[in-house]
Amino acid sequence: MYDTSNTCNAYYLTMMTTFYISTAASATISLILIIVAVKKSQRYSRSSAKTLAERRMIVHAAMALVMLMIWVTTYYLANTIDSMYNLFDSLSFFVFFVQHYPPMLVILWIRCVLMFSCT
């Protein structure tokens, strides 16, 4: 593919628009599911192991969603603002890797917070 070709530019623009729309739609659906999960989890006892695990997974999903939206936003800005391409491209590259690991580690870190006492 040649980046000077009109066909390539049109294909890239279509591909990226589809990427932004599909990611925003999946993030919206995920946000709705997280809200429903929070509402549903309030019905259970605070001390049950099932509730604590469920709350950790809800926090994991919420953090992963936030990181995904930050990554997509920086990627969009890198492709939209030509004068700041290098900054947003580097930032999106960093956020892409950061979005995978901290949400997994937060499940371990929030154990004390969810149990309301560290034992």
PDB file of N, CA and C in Angstrom:
ATOM      1  N   MET A   1       0.848  -1.184   0.000  1.00  0.00           N
ATOM      2  CA  MET A   1       0.000   0.000   0.000  1.00  0.00           C
ATOM      3  C   MET A   1       0.891   1.244   0.000  1.00  0.00           C
ATOM      4  N   TYR A   2       0.482   2.204  -0.753  1.00  0.00           N
ATOM      5  CA  TYR A   2       1.228   3.455  -0.834  1.00  0.00           C
ATOM      6  C   TYR A   2       0.420   4.532  -0.114  1.00  0.00           C
ATOM      7  N   ASP A   3       1.078   5.217   0.808  1.00  0.00           N
ATOM      8  CA  ASP A   3       0.343   6.215   1.580  1.00  0.00           C
ATOM      9  C   ASP A   3       0.026   7.476   0.793  1.00  0.00           C
ATOM     10  N   THR A   4       0.561   7.611  -0.420  1.00  0.00           N
ATOM     11  CA  THR A   4       0.210   8.759  -1.258  1.00  0.00           C
ATOM     12  C   THR A   4      -0.992   8.461  -2.148  1.00  0.00           C
ATOM     13  N   SER A   5      -1.389   7.217  -2.208  1.00  0.00           N
ATOM     14  CA  SER A   5      -2.517   6.820  -3.040  1.00  0.00           C
ATOM     15  C   SER A   5      -3.831   7.224  -2.371  1.00  0.00           C
ATOM     16  N   ASN A   6      -4.766   7.733  -3.155  1.00  0.00           N
ATOM     17  CA  ASN A   6      -6.081   8.108  -2.625  1.00  0.00           C
ATOM     18  C   ASN A   6      -6.850   6.885  -2.138  1.00  0.00           C
ATOM     19  N   THR A   7      -6.678   5.770  -2.821  1.00  0.00           N
ATOM     20  CA  THR A   7      -7.361   4.540  -2.419  1.00  0.00           C
ATOM     21  C   THR A   7      -6.877   4.083  -1.041  1.00  0.00           C
ATOM     22  N   CYS A   8      -5.585   4.150  -0.809  1.00  0.00           N
ATOM     23  CA  CYS A   8      -5.029   3.740   0.478  1.00  0.00           C
ATOM     24  C   CYS A   8      -5.488   4.673   1.593  1.00  0.00           C
ATOM     25  N   ASN A   9      -5.486   5.960   1.326  1.00  0.00           N
ATOM     26  CA  ASN A   9      -5.944   6.921   2.330  1.00  0.00           C
ATOM     27  C   ASN A   9      -7.414   6.726   2.658  1.00  0.00           C
ATOM     28  N   ALA A  10      -8.228   6.461   1.653  1.00  0.00           N
ATOM     29  CA  ALA A  10      -9.663   6.228   1.884  1.00  0.00           C
ATOM     30  C   ALA A  10      -9.872   4.942   2.681  1.00  0.00           C
ATOM     31  N   TYR A  11      -9.120   3.898   2.348  1.00  0.00           N
ATOM     32  CA  TYR A  11      -9.220   2.640   3.084  1.00  0.00           C
ATOM     33  C   TYR A  11      -8.801   2.831   4.539  1.00  0.00           C
ATOM     34  N   TYR A  12      -7.702   3.541   4.771  1.00  0.00           N
ATOM     35  CA  TYR A  12      -7.217   3.774   6.126  1.00  0.00           C
ATOM     36  C   TYR A  12      -8.232   4.589   6.927  1.00  0.00           C
ATOM     37  N   LEU A  13      -8.802   5.604   6.330  1.00  0.00           N
ATOM     38  CA  LEU A  13      -9.797   6.425   7.016  1.00  0.00           C
ATOM     39  C   LEU A  13     -11.029   5.601   7.376  1.00  0.00           C
ATOM     40  N   THR A  14     -11.487   4.757   6.465  1.00  0.00           N
ATOM     41  CA  THR A  14     -12.629   3.882   6.741  1.00  0.00           C
ATOM     42  C   THR A  14     -12.308   2.890   7.851  1.00  0.00           C
ATOM     43  N   MET A  15     -11.123   2.308   7.801  1.00  0.00           N
ATOM     44  CA  MET A  15     -10.713   1.348   8.817  1.00  0.00           C
ATOM     45  C   MET A  15     -10.642   2.010  10.197  1.00  0.00           C
ATOM     46  N   MET A  16     -10.058   3.187  10.269  1.00  0.00           N
ATOM     47  CA  MET A  16      -9.913   3.867  11.560  1.00  0.00           C
ATOM     48  C   MET A  16     -11.263   4.354  12.089  1.00  0.00           C
ATOM     49  N   THR A  17     -12.134   4.817  11.226  1.00  0.00           N
ATOM     50  CA  THR A  17     -13.466   5.237  11.658  1.00  0.00           C
ATOM     51  C   THR A  17     -14.232   4.049  12.227  1.00  0.00           C
ATOM     52  N   THR A  18     -14.136   2.903  11.571  1.00  0.00           N
ATOM     53  CA  THR A  18     -14.771   1.687  12.075  1.00  0.00           C
ATOM     54  C   THR A  18     -14.189   1.292  13.426  1.00  0.00           C
ATOM     55  N   PHE A  19     -12.892   1.424  13.578  1.00  0.00           N
ATOM     56  CA  PHE A  19     -12.226   1.113  14.834  1.00  0.00           C
ATOM     57  C   PHE A  19     -12.734   2.015  15.965  1.00  0.00           C
ATOM     58  N   TYR A  20     -12.807   3.320  15.717  1.00  0.00           N
ATOM     59  CA  TYR A  20     -13.260   4.257  16.758  1.00  0.00           C
ATOM     60  C   TYR A  20     -14.711   3.998  17.140  1.00  0.00           C
ATOM     61  N   ILE A  21     -15.558   3.787  16.152  1.00  0.00           N
ATOM     62  CA  ILE A  21     -16.988   3.570  16.429  1.00  0.00           C
ATOM     63  C   ILE A  21     -17.200   2.249  17.166  1.00  0.00           C
ATOM     64  N   SER A  22     -16.541   1.185  16.724  1.00  0.00           N
ATOM     65  CA  SER A  22     -16.731  -0.107  17.393  1.00  0.00           C
ATOM     66  C   SER A  22     -16.180  -0.094  18.818  1.00  0.00           C
ATOM     67  N   THR A  23     -15.091   0.586  19.039  1.00  0.00           N
ATOM     68  CA  THR A  23     -14.539   0.670  20.391  1.00  0.00           C
ATOM     69  C   THR A  23     -15.434   1.501  21.294  1.00  0.00           C
ATOM     70  N   ALA A  24     -15.941   2.613  20.793  1.00  0.00           N
ATOM     71  CA  ALA A  24     -16.858   3.432  21.595  1.00  0.00           C
ATOM     72  C   ALA A  24     -18.143   2.673  21.911  1.00  0.00           C
ATOM     73  N   ALA A  25     -18.647   1.917  20.953  1.00  0.00           N
ATOM     74  CA  ALA A  25     -19.868   1.144  21.195  1.00  0.00           C
ATOM     75  C   ALA A  25     -19.623   0.041  22.218  1.00  0.00           C
ATOM     76  N   SER A  26     -18.516  -0.664  22.116  1.00  0.00           N
ATOM     77  CA  SER A  26     -18.230  -1.717  23.093  1.00  0.00           C
ATOM     78  C   SER A  26     -17.950  -1.136  24.470  1.00  0.00           C
ATOM     79  N   ALA A  27     -17.348   0.042  24.536  1.00  0.00           N
ATOM     80  CA  ALA A  27     -17.117   0.694  25.828  1.00  0.00           C
ATOM     81  C   ALA A  27     -18.435   1.118  26.461  1.00  0.00           C
ATOM     82  N   THR A  28     -19.367   1.585  25.662  1.00  0.00           N
ATOM     83  CA  THR A  28     -20.685   1.962  26.180  1.00  0.00           C
ATOM     84  C   THR A  28     -21.422   0.743  26.723  1.00  0.00           C
ATOM     85  N   ILE A  29     -21.384  -0.343  25.986  1.00  0.00           N
ATOM     86  CA  ILE A  29     -22.021  -1.578  26.459  1.00  0.00           C
ATOM     87  C   ILE A  29     -21.356  -2.059  27.741  1.00  0.00           C
ATOM     88  N   SER A  30     -20.041  -1.989  27.796  1.00  0.00           N
ATOM     89  CA  SER A  30     -19.321  -2.400  29.005  1.00  0.00           C
ATOM     90  C   SER A  30     -19.691  -1.526  30.191  1.00  0.00           C
ATOM     91  N   LEU A  31     -19.817  -0.233  29.967  1.00  0.00           N
ATOM     92  CA  LEU A  31     -20.197   0.681  31.048  1.00  0.00           C
ATOM     93  C   LEU A  31     -21.585   0.345  31.578  1.00  0.00           C
ATOM     94  N   ILE A  32     -22.510   0.038  30.691  1.00  0.00           N
ATOM     95  CA  ILE A  32     -23.860  -0.354  31.113  1.00  0.00           C
ATOM     96  C   ILE A  32     -23.803  -1.643  31.928  1.00  0.00           C
ATOM     97  N   LEU A  33     -23.022  -2.610  31.489  1.00  0.00           N
ATOM     98  CA  LEU A  33     -22.893  -3.863  32.224  1.00  0.00           C
ATOM     99  C   LEU A  33     -22.241  -3.652  33.595  1.00  0.00           C
ATOM    100  N   ILE A  34     -21.286  -2.748  33.683  1.00  0.00           N
ATOM    101  CA  ILE A  34     -20.645  -2.452  34.966  1.00  0.00           C
ATOM    102  C   ILE A  34     -21.646  -1.818  35.917  1.00  0.00           C
ATOM    103  N   ILE A  35     -22.458  -0.901  35.419  1.00  0.00           N
ATOM    104  CA  ILE A  35     -23.475  -0.261  36.262  1.00  0.00           C
ATOM    105  C   ILE A  35     -24.475  -1.292  36.760  1.00  0.00           C
ATOM    106  N   VAL A  36     -24.916  -2.184  35.890  1.00  0.00           N
ATOM    107  CA  VAL A  36     -25.845  -3.244  36.297  1.00  0.00           C
ATOM    108  C   VAL A  36     -25.186  -4.149  37.335  1.00  0.00           C
ATOM    109  N   ALA A  37     -23.918  -4.484  37.146  1.00  0.00           N
ATOM    110  CA  ALA A  37     -23.211  -5.345  38.099  1.00  0.00           C
ATOM    111  C   ALA A  37     -23.077  -4.677  39.459  1.00  0.00           C
ATOM    112  N   VAL A  38     -22.822  -3.372  39.477  1.00  0.00           N
ATOM    113  CA  VAL A  38     -22.717  -2.654  40.753  1.00  0.00           C
ATOM    114  C   VAL A  38     -24.063  -2.660  41.461  1.00  0.00           C
ATOM    115  N   LYS A  39     -25.124  -2.404  40.733  1.00  0.00           N
ATOM    116  CA  LYS A  39     -26.467  -2.416  41.334  1.00  0.00           C
ATOM    117  C   LYS A  39     -26.801  -3.804  41.879  1.00  0.00           C
ATOM    118  N   LYS A  40     -26.462  -4.837  41.114  1.00  0.00           N
ATOM    119  CA  LYS A  40     -26.783  -6.201  41.523  1.00  0.00           C
ATOM    120  C   LYS A  40     -25.924  -6.652  42.703  1.00  0.00           C
ATOM    121  N   SER A  41     -24.679  -6.221  42.750  1.00  0.00           N
ATOM    122  CA  SER A  41     -23.785  -6.672  43.817  1.00  0.00           C
ATOM    123  C   SER A  41     -24.151  -6.072  45.167  1.00  0.00           C
ATOM    124  N   GLN A  42     -24.915  -5.013  45.190  1.00  0.00           N
ATOM    125  CA  GLN A  42     -25.302  -4.393  46.458  1.00  0.00           C
ATOM    126  C   GLN A  42     -26.333  -5.228  47.207  1.00  0.00           C
ATOM    127  N   ARG A  43     -26.932  -6.202  46.541  1.00  0.00           N
ATOM    128  CA  ARG A  43     -27.935  -7.059  47.183  1.00  0.00           C
ATOM    129  C   ARG A  43     -27.312  -8.128  48.073  1.00  0.00           C
ATOM    130  N   TYR A  44     -26.059  -8.462  47.823  1.00  0.00           N
ATOM    131  CA  TYR A  44     -25.418  -9.537  48.565  1.00  0.00           C
ATOM    132  C   TYR A  44     -24.817  -9.035  49.866  1.00  0.00           C
ATOM    133  N   SER A  45     -24.571  -9.964  50.744  1.00  0.00           N
ATOM    134  CA  SER A  45     -23.907  -9.661  52.005  1.00  0.00           C
ATOM    135  C   SER A  45     -22.495  -9.168  51.730  1.00  0.00           C
ATOM    136  N   ARG A  46     -22.014  -8.265  52.543  1.00  0.00           N
ATOM    137  CA  ARG A  46     -20.679  -7.714  52.328  1.00  0.00           C
ATOM    138  C   ARG A  46     -19.575  -8.707  52.683  1.00  0.00           C
ATOM    139  N   SER A  47     -19.863  -9.684  53.482  1.00  0.00           N
ATOM    140  CA  SER A  47     -18.809 -10.556  53.969  1.00  0.00           C
ATOM    141  C   SER A  47     -18.635 -11.836  53.154  1.00  0.00           C
ATOM    142  N   SER A  48     -19.520 -12.119  52.264  1.00  0.00           N
ATOM    143  CA  SER A  48     -19.391 -13.383  51.537  1.00  0.00           C
ATOM    144  C   SER A  48     -18.224 -13.327  50.550  1.00  0.00           C
ATOM    145  N   ALA A  49     -17.605 -14.462  50.349  1.00  0.00           N
ATOM    146  CA  ALA A  49     -16.460 -14.557  49.439  1.00  0.00           C
ATOM    147  C   ALA A  49     -16.891 -14.262  48.001  1.00  0.00           C
ATOM    148  N   LYS A  50     -18.103 -14.678  47.663  1.00  0.00           N
ATOM    149  CA  LYS A  50     -18.618 -14.434  46.314  1.00  0.00           C
ATOM    150  C   LYS A  50     -18.738 -12.932  46.043  1.00  0.00           C
ATOM    151  N   THR A  51     -19.218 -12.193  47.031  1.00  0.00           N
ATOM    152  CA  THR A  51     -19.376 -10.751  46.870  1.00  0.00           C
ATOM    153  C   THR A  51     -18.027 -10.066  46.714  1.00  0.00           C
ATOM    154  N   LEU A  52     -17.054 -10.476  47.509  1.00  0.00           N
ATOM    155  CA  LEU A  52     -15.731  -9.852  47.422  1.00  0.00           C
ATOM    156  C   LEU A  52     -15.087 -10.119  46.071  1.00  0.00           C
ATOM    157  N   ALA A  53     -15.212 -11.333  45.574  1.00  0.00           N
ATOM    158  CA  ALA A  53     -14.655 -11.659  44.260  1.00  0.00           C
ATOM    159  C   ALA A  53     -15.380 -10.891  43.164  1.00  0.00           C
ATOM    160  N   GLU A  54     -16.682 -10.788  43.303  1.00  0.00           N
ATOM    161  CA  GLU A  54     -17.458 -10.063  42.302  1.00  0.00           C
ATOM    162  C   GLU A  54     -17.085  -8.583  42.277  1.00  0.00           C
ATOM    163  N   ARG A  55     -16.904  -7.997  43.430  1.00  0.00           N
ATOM    164  CA  ARG A  55     -16.521  -6.581  43.488  1.00  0.00           C
ATOM    165  C   ARG A  55     -15.139  -6.364  42.881  1.00  0.00           C
ATOM    166  N   ARG A  56     -14.225  -7.275  43.133  1.00  0.00           N
ATOM    167  CA  ARG A  56     -12.894  -7.156  42.521  1.00  0.00           C
ATOM    168  C   ARG A  56     -12.981  -7.213  41.001  1.00  0.00           C
ATOM    169  N   MET A  57     -13.821  -8.092  40.497  1.00  0.00           N
ATOM    170  CA  MET A  57     -13.970  -8.195  39.044  1.00  0.00           C
ATOM    171  C   MET A  57     -14.641  -6.959  38.451  1.00  0.00           C
ATOM    172  N   ILE A  58     -15.563  -6.358  39.199  1.00  0.00           N
ATOM    173  CA  ILE A  58     -16.206  -5.127  38.737  1.00  0.00           C
ATOM    174  C   ILE A  58     -15.185  -4.000  38.670  1.00  0.00           C
ATOM    175  N   VAL A  59     -14.345  -3.879  39.688  1.00  0.00           N
ATOM    176  CA  VAL A  59     -13.307  -2.850  39.682  1.00  0.00           C
ATOM    177  C   VAL A  59     -12.313  -3.114  38.553  1.00  0.00           C
ATOM    178  N   HIS A  60     -11.977  -4.376  38.322  1.00  0.00           N
ATOM    179  CA  HIS A  60     -11.089  -4.739  37.216  1.00  0.00           C
ATOM    180  C   HIS A  60     -11.680  -4.309  35.883  1.00  0.00           C
ATOM    181  N   ALA A  61     -12.945  -4.605  35.673  1.00  0.00           N
ATOM    182  CA  ALA A  61     -13.601  -4.244  34.407  1.00  0.00           C
ATOM    183  C   ALA A  61     -13.680  -2.730  34.241  1.00  0.00           C
ATOM    184  N   ALA A  62     -13.987  -2.018  35.312  1.00  0.00           N
ATOM    185  CA  ALA A  62     -14.072  -0.560  35.228  1.00  0.00           C
ATOM    186  C   ALA A  62     -12.713   0.052  34.913  1.00  0.00           C
ATOM    187  N   MET A  63     -11.663  -0.441  35.556  1.00  0.00           N
ATOM    188  CA  MET A  63     -10.329   0.098  35.299  1.00  0.00           C
ATOM    189  C   MET A  63      -9.866  -0.221  33.879  1.00  0.00           C
ATOM    190  N   ALA A  64     -10.144  -1.424  33.417  1.00  0.00           N
ATOM    191  CA  ALA A  64      -9.783  -1.794  32.046  1.00  0.00           C
ATOM    192  C   ALA A  64     -10.532  -0.927  31.032  1.00  0.00           C
ATOM    193  N   LEU A  65     -11.796  -0.620  31.332  1.00  0.00           N
ATOM    194  CA  LEU A  65     -12.587   0.231  30.446  1.00  0.00           C
ATOM    195  C   LEU A  65     -12.015   1.641  30.383  1.00  0.00           C
ATOM    196  N   VAL A  66     -11.646   2.185  31.519  1.00  0.00           N
ATOM    197  CA  VAL A  66     -11.071   3.537  31.547  1.00  0.00           C
ATOM    198  C   VAL A  66      -9.764   3.575  30.769  1.00  0.00           C
ATOM    199  N   MET A  67      -8.915   2.578  30.978  1.00  0.00           N
ATOM    200  CA  MET A  67      -7.638   2.535  30.264  1.00  0.00           C
ATOM    201  C   MET A  67      -7.845   2.367  28.753  1.00  0.00           C
ATOM    202  N   LEU A  68      -8.833   1.579  28.363  1.00  0.00           N
ATOM    203  CA  LEU A  68      -9.138   1.409  26.942  1.00  0.00           C
ATOM    204  C   LEU A  68      -9.574   2.733  26.318  1.00  0.00           C
ATOM    205  N   MET A  69     -10.414   3.458  27.022  1.00  0.00           N
ATOM    206  CA  MET A  69     -10.889   4.731  26.481  1.00  0.00           C
ATOM    207  C   MET A  69      -9.754   5.762  26.395  1.00  0.00           C
ATOM    208  N   ILE A  70      -8.846   5.739  27.357  1.00  0.00           N
ATOM    209  CA  ILE A  70      -7.689   6.639  27.288  1.00  0.00           C
ATOM    210  C   ILE A  70      -6.821   6.275  26.090  1.00  0.00           C
ATOM    211  N   TRP A  71      -6.624   4.977  25.864  1.00  0.00           N
ATOM    212  CA  TRP A  71      -5.812   4.557  24.726  1.00  0.00           C
ATOM    213  C   TRP A  71      -6.450   4.964  23.400  1.00  0.00           C
ATOM    214  N   VAL A  72      -7.739   4.722  23.258  1.00  0.00           N
ATOM    215  CA  VAL A  72      -8.414   5.072  22.003  1.00  0.00           C
ATOM    216  C   VAL A  72      -8.401   6.584  21.788  1.00  0.00           C
ATOM    217  N   THR A  73      -8.583   7.342  22.860  1.00  0.00           N
ATOM    218  CA  THR A  73      -8.565   8.806  22.740  1.00  0.00           C
ATOM    219  C   THR A  73      -7.194   9.300  22.290  1.00  0.00           C
ATOM    220  N   THR A  74      -6.124   8.785  22.898  1.00  0.00           N
ATOM    221  CA  THR A  74      -4.785   9.228  22.484  1.00  0.00           C
ATOM    222  C   THR A  74      -4.467   8.774  21.065  1.00  0.00           C
ATOM    223  N   TYR A  75      -4.935   7.605  20.695  1.00  0.00           N
ATOM    224  CA  TYR A  75      -4.715   7.128  19.329  1.00  0.00           C
ATOM    225  C   TYR A  75      -5.477   8.002  18.330  1.00  0.00           C
ATOM    226  N   TYR A  76      -6.698   8.370  18.674  1.00  0.00           N
ATOM    227  CA  TYR A  76      -7.491   9.249  17.820  1.00  0.00           C
ATOM    228  C   TYR A  76      -6.818  10.613  17.677  1.00  0.00           C
ATOM    229  N   LEU A  77      -6.350  11.155  18.795  1.00  0.00           N
ATOM    230  CA  LEU A  77      -5.687  12.467  18.747  1.00  0.00           C
ATOM    231  C   LEU A  77      -4.392  12.409  17.947  1.00  0.00           C
ATOM    232  N   ALA A  78      -3.683  11.299  18.016  1.00  0.00           N
ATOM    233  CA  ALA A  78      -2.454  11.160  17.226  1.00  0.00           C
ATOM    234  C   ALA A  78      -2.755  11.194  15.730  1.00  0.00           C
ATOM    235  N   ASN A  79      -3.877  10.639  15.325  1.00  0.00           N
ATOM    236  CA  ASN A  79      -4.223  10.619  13.905  1.00  0.00           C
ATOM    237  C   ASN A  79      -4.980  11.863  13.464  1.00  0.00           C
ATOM    238  N   THR A  80      -5.470  12.649  14.411  1.00  0.00           N
ATOM    239  CA  THR A  80      -6.243  13.839  14.069  1.00  0.00           C
ATOM    240  C   THR A  80      -5.402  15.104  14.081  1.00  0.00           C
ATOM    241  N   ILE A  81      -4.575  15.279  15.091  1.00  0.00           N
ATOM    242  CA  ILE A  81      -3.760  16.492  15.232  1.00  0.00           C
ATOM    243  C   ILE A  81      -2.368  16.210  14.689  1.00  0.00           C
ATOM    244  N   ASP A  82      -2.112  16.684  13.490  1.00  0.00           N
ATOM    245  CA  ASP A  82      -0.832  16.394  12.839  1.00  0.00           C
ATOM    246  C   ASP A  82       0.353  17.044  13.546  1.00  0.00           C
ATOM    247  N   SER A  83       0.155  18.226  14.097  1.00  0.00           N
ATOM    248  CA  SER A  83       1.270  18.929  14.728  1.00  0.00           C
ATOM    249  C   SER A  83       1.744  18.264  16.017  1.00  0.00           C
ATOM    250  N   MET A  84       0.872  17.465  16.651  1.00  0.00           N
ATOM    251  CA  MET A  84       1.242  16.790  17.895  1.00  0.00           C
ATOM    252  C   MET A  84       1.245  15.273  17.737  1.00  0.00           C
ATOM    253  N   TYR A  85       1.484  14.813  16.528  1.00  0.00           N
ATOM    254  CA  TYR A  85       1.451  13.377  16.245  1.00  0.00           C
ATOM    255  C   TYR A  85       2.432  12.596  17.118  1.00  0.00           C
ATOM    256  N   ASN A  86       3.671  13.062  17.200  1.00  0.00           N
ATOM    257  CA  ASN A  86       4.694  12.318  17.950  1.00  0.00           C
ATOM    258  C   ASN A  86       4.323  12.175  19.428  1.00  0.00           C
ATOM    259  N   LEU A  87       3.819  13.235  20.022  1.00  0.00           N
ATOM    260  CA  LEU A  87       3.443  13.190  21.431  1.00  0.00           C
ATOM    261  C   LEU A  87       2.320  12.184  21.667  1.00  0.00           C
ATOM    262  N   PHE A  88       1.228  12.317  20.922  1.00  0.00           N
ATOM    263  CA  PHE A  88       0.082  11.441  21.136  1.00  0.00           C
ATOM    264  C   PHE A  88       0.362  10.003  20.697  1.00  0.00           C
ATOM    265  N   ASP A  89       1.198   9.829  19.684  1.00  0.00           N
ATOM    266  CA  ASP A  89       1.555   8.474  19.262  1.00  0.00           C
ATOM    267  C   ASP A  89       2.375   7.780  20.348  1.00  0.00           C
ATOM    268  N   SER A  90       3.321   8.472  20.922  1.00  0.00           N
ATOM    269  CA  SER A  90       4.119   7.898  22.017  1.00  0.00           C
ATOM    270  C   SER A  90       3.243   7.630  23.236  1.00  0.00           C
ATOM    271  N   LEU A  91       2.351   8.562  23.528  1.00  0.00           N
ATOM    272  CA  LEU A  91       1.457   8.386  24.661  1.00  0.00           C
ATOM    273  C   LEU A  91       0.515   7.202  24.442  1.00  0.00           C
ATOM    274  N   SER A  92      -0.013   7.063  23.239  1.00  0.00           N
ATOM    275  CA  SER A  92      -0.913   5.944  22.963  1.00  0.00           C
ATOM    276  C   SER A  92      -0.163   4.617  23.013  1.00  0.00           C
ATOM    277  N   PHE A  93       1.093   4.606  22.586  1.00  0.00           N
ATOM    278  CA  PHE A  93       1.916   3.397  22.668  1.00  0.00           C
ATOM    279  C   PHE A  93       2.120   2.997  24.131  1.00  0.00           C
ATOM    280  N   PHE A  94       2.404   3.978  24.986  1.00  0.00           N
ATOM    281  CA  PHE A  94       2.590   3.712  26.420  1.00  0.00           C
ATOM    282  C   PHE A  94       1.292   3.231  27.060  1.00  0.00           C
ATOM    283  N   VAL A  95       0.185   3.908  26.781  1.00  0.00           N
ATOM    284  CA  VAL A  95      -1.100   3.558  27.385  1.00  0.00           C
ATOM    285  C   VAL A  95      -1.569   2.182  26.907  1.00  0.00           C
ATOM    286  N   PHE A  96      -1.244   1.817  25.673  1.00  0.00           N
ATOM    287  CA  PHE A  96      -1.616   0.502  25.167  1.00  0.00           C
ATOM    288  C   PHE A  96      -1.037  -0.604  26.052  1.00  0.00           C
ATOM    289  N   PHE A  97       0.218  -0.462  26.445  1.00  0.00           N
ATOM    290  CA  PHE A  97       0.824  -1.478  27.305  1.00  0.00           C
ATOM    291  C   PHE A  97       0.357  -1.365  28.746  1.00  0.00           C
ATOM    292  N   VAL A  98       0.106  -0.158  29.199  1.00  0.00           N
ATOM    293  CA  VAL A  98      -0.349   0.048  30.574  1.00  0.00           C
ATOM    294  C   VAL A  98      -1.781  -0.466  30.767  1.00  0.00           C
ATOM    295  N   GLN A  99      -2.581  -0.481  29.732  1.00  0.00           N
ATOM    296  CA  GLN A  99      -3.983  -0.902  29.882  1.00  0.00           C
ATOM    297  C   GLN A  99      -4.120  -2.389  30.170  1.00  0.00           C
ATOM    298  N   HIS A 100      -3.106  -3.185  29.903  1.00  0.00           N
ATOM    299  CA  HIS A 100      -3.221  -4.625  30.102  1.00  0.00           C
ATOM    300  C   HIS A 100      -2.871  -5.079  31.518  1.00  0.00           C
ATOM    301  N   TYR A 101      -1.817  -4.551  32.090  1.00  0.00           N
ATOM    302  CA  TYR A 101      -1.312  -5.109  33.339  1.00  0.00           C
ATOM    303  C   TYR A 101      -1.866  -4.491  34.614  1.00  0.00           C
ATOM    304  N   PRO A 102      -1.989  -3.187  34.759  1.00  0.00           N
ATOM    305  CA  PRO A 102      -2.554  -2.645  36.015  1.00  0.00           C
ATOM    306  C   PRO A 102      -3.961  -3.151  36.340  1.00  0.00           C
ATOM    307  N   PRO A 103      -4.868  -3.310  35.385  1.00  0.00           N
ATOM    308  CA  PRO A 103      -6.170  -3.869  35.765  1.00  0.00           C
ATOM    309  C   PRO A 103      -6.072  -5.271  36.357  1.00  0.00           C
ATOM    310  N   MET A 104      -5.109  -6.066  35.901  1.00  0.00           N
ATOM    311  CA  MET A 104      -4.950  -7.404  36.474  1.00  0.00           C
ATOM    312  C   MET A 104      -4.381  -7.326  37.889  1.00  0.00           C
ATOM    313  N   LEU A 105      -3.446  -6.404  38.100  1.00  0.00           N
ATOM    314  CA  LEU A 105      -2.824  -6.281  39.411  1.00  0.00           C
ATOM    315  C   LEU A 105      -3.745  -5.629  40.433  1.00  0.00           C
ATOM    316  N   VAL A 106      -4.678  -4.808  39.976  1.00  0.00           N
ATOM    317  CA  VAL A 106      -5.565  -4.124  40.912  1.00  0.00           C
ATOM    318  C   VAL A 106      -6.441  -5.118  41.666  1.00  0.00           C
ATOM    319  N   ILE A 107      -6.706  -6.267  41.087  1.00  0.00           N
ATOM    320  CA  ILE A 107      -7.488  -7.297  41.781  1.00  0.00           C
ATOM    321  C   ILE A 107      -6.779  -7.725  43.060  1.00  0.00           C
ATOM    322  N   LEU A 108      -5.464  -7.814  43.007  1.00  0.00           N
ATOM    323  CA  LEU A 108      -4.704  -8.188  44.196  1.00  0.00           C
ATOM    324  C   LEU A 108      -4.587  -7.041  45.189  1.00  0.00           C
ATOM    325  N   TRP A 109      -4.436  -5.818  44.686  1.00  0.00           N
ATOM    326  CA  TRP A 109      -4.222  -4.659  45.550  1.00  0.00           C
ATOM    327  C   TRP A 109      -5.471  -4.241  46.306  1.00  0.00           C
ATOM    328  N   ILE A 110      -6.636  -4.457  45.739  1.00  0.00           N
ATOM    329  CA  ILE A 110      -7.848  -3.947  46.386  1.00  0.00           C
ATOM    330  C   ILE A 110      -8.465  -4.928  47.358  1.00  0.00           C
ATOM    331  N   ARG A 111      -7.796  -6.014  47.624  1.00  0.00           N
ATOM    332  CA  ARG A 111      -8.338  -7.005  48.554  1.00  0.00           C
ATOM    333  C   ARG A 111      -8.608  -6.388  49.922  1.00  0.00           C
ATOM    334  N   CYS A 112      -7.678  -5.639  50.447  1.00  0.00           N
ATOM    335  CA  CYS A 112      -7.828  -5.019  51.764  1.00  0.00           C
ATOM    336  C   CYS A 112      -8.932  -3.962  51.755  1.00  0.00           C
ATOM    337  N   VAL A 113      -9.021  -3.213  50.693  1.00  0.00           N
ATOM    338  CA  VAL A 113     -10.030  -2.152  50.610  1.00  0.00           C
ATOM    339  C   VAL A 113     -11.429  -2.742  50.614  1.00  0.00           C
ATOM    340  N   LEU A 114     -11.637  -3.813  49.870  1.00  0.00           N
ATOM    341  CA  LEU A 114     -12.968  -4.410  49.771  1.00  0.00           C
ATOM    342  C   LEU A 114     -13.365  -5.157  51.039  1.00  0.00           C
ATOM    343  N   MET A 115     -12.408  -5.677  51.748  1.00  0.00           N
ATOM    344  CA  MET A 115     -12.730  -6.407  52.958  1.00  0.00           C
ATOM    345  C   MET A 115     -12.856  -5.462  54.157  1.00  0.00           C
ATOM    346  N   PHE A 116     -12.471  -4.190  53.984  1.00  0.00           N
ATOM    347  CA  PHE A 116     -12.556  -3.159  55.009  1.00  0.00           C
ATOM    348  C   PHE A 116     -11.611  -3.396  56.181  1.00  0.00           C
ATOM    349  N   SER A 117     -10.768  -4.385  56.063  1.00  0.00           N
ATOM    350  CA  SER A 117      -9.706  -4.604  57.046  1.00  0.00           C
ATOM    351  C   SER A 117      -8.652  -5.506  56.412  1.00  0.00           C
ATOM    352  N   CYS A 118      -7.444  -5.207  56.682  1.00  0.00           N
ATOM    353  CA  CYS A 118      -6.351  -6.013  56.136  1.00  0.00           C
ATOM    354  C   CYS A 118      -5.945  -7.048  57.171  1.00  0.00           C
ATOM    355  N   THR A 119      -6.204  -8.292  56.871  1.00  0.00           N
ATOM    356  CA  THR A 119      -5.830  -9.338  57.822  1.00  0.00           C
ATOM    357  C   THR A 119      -4.812 -10.257  57.214  1.00  0.00           C
TER     358      THR A 119
END
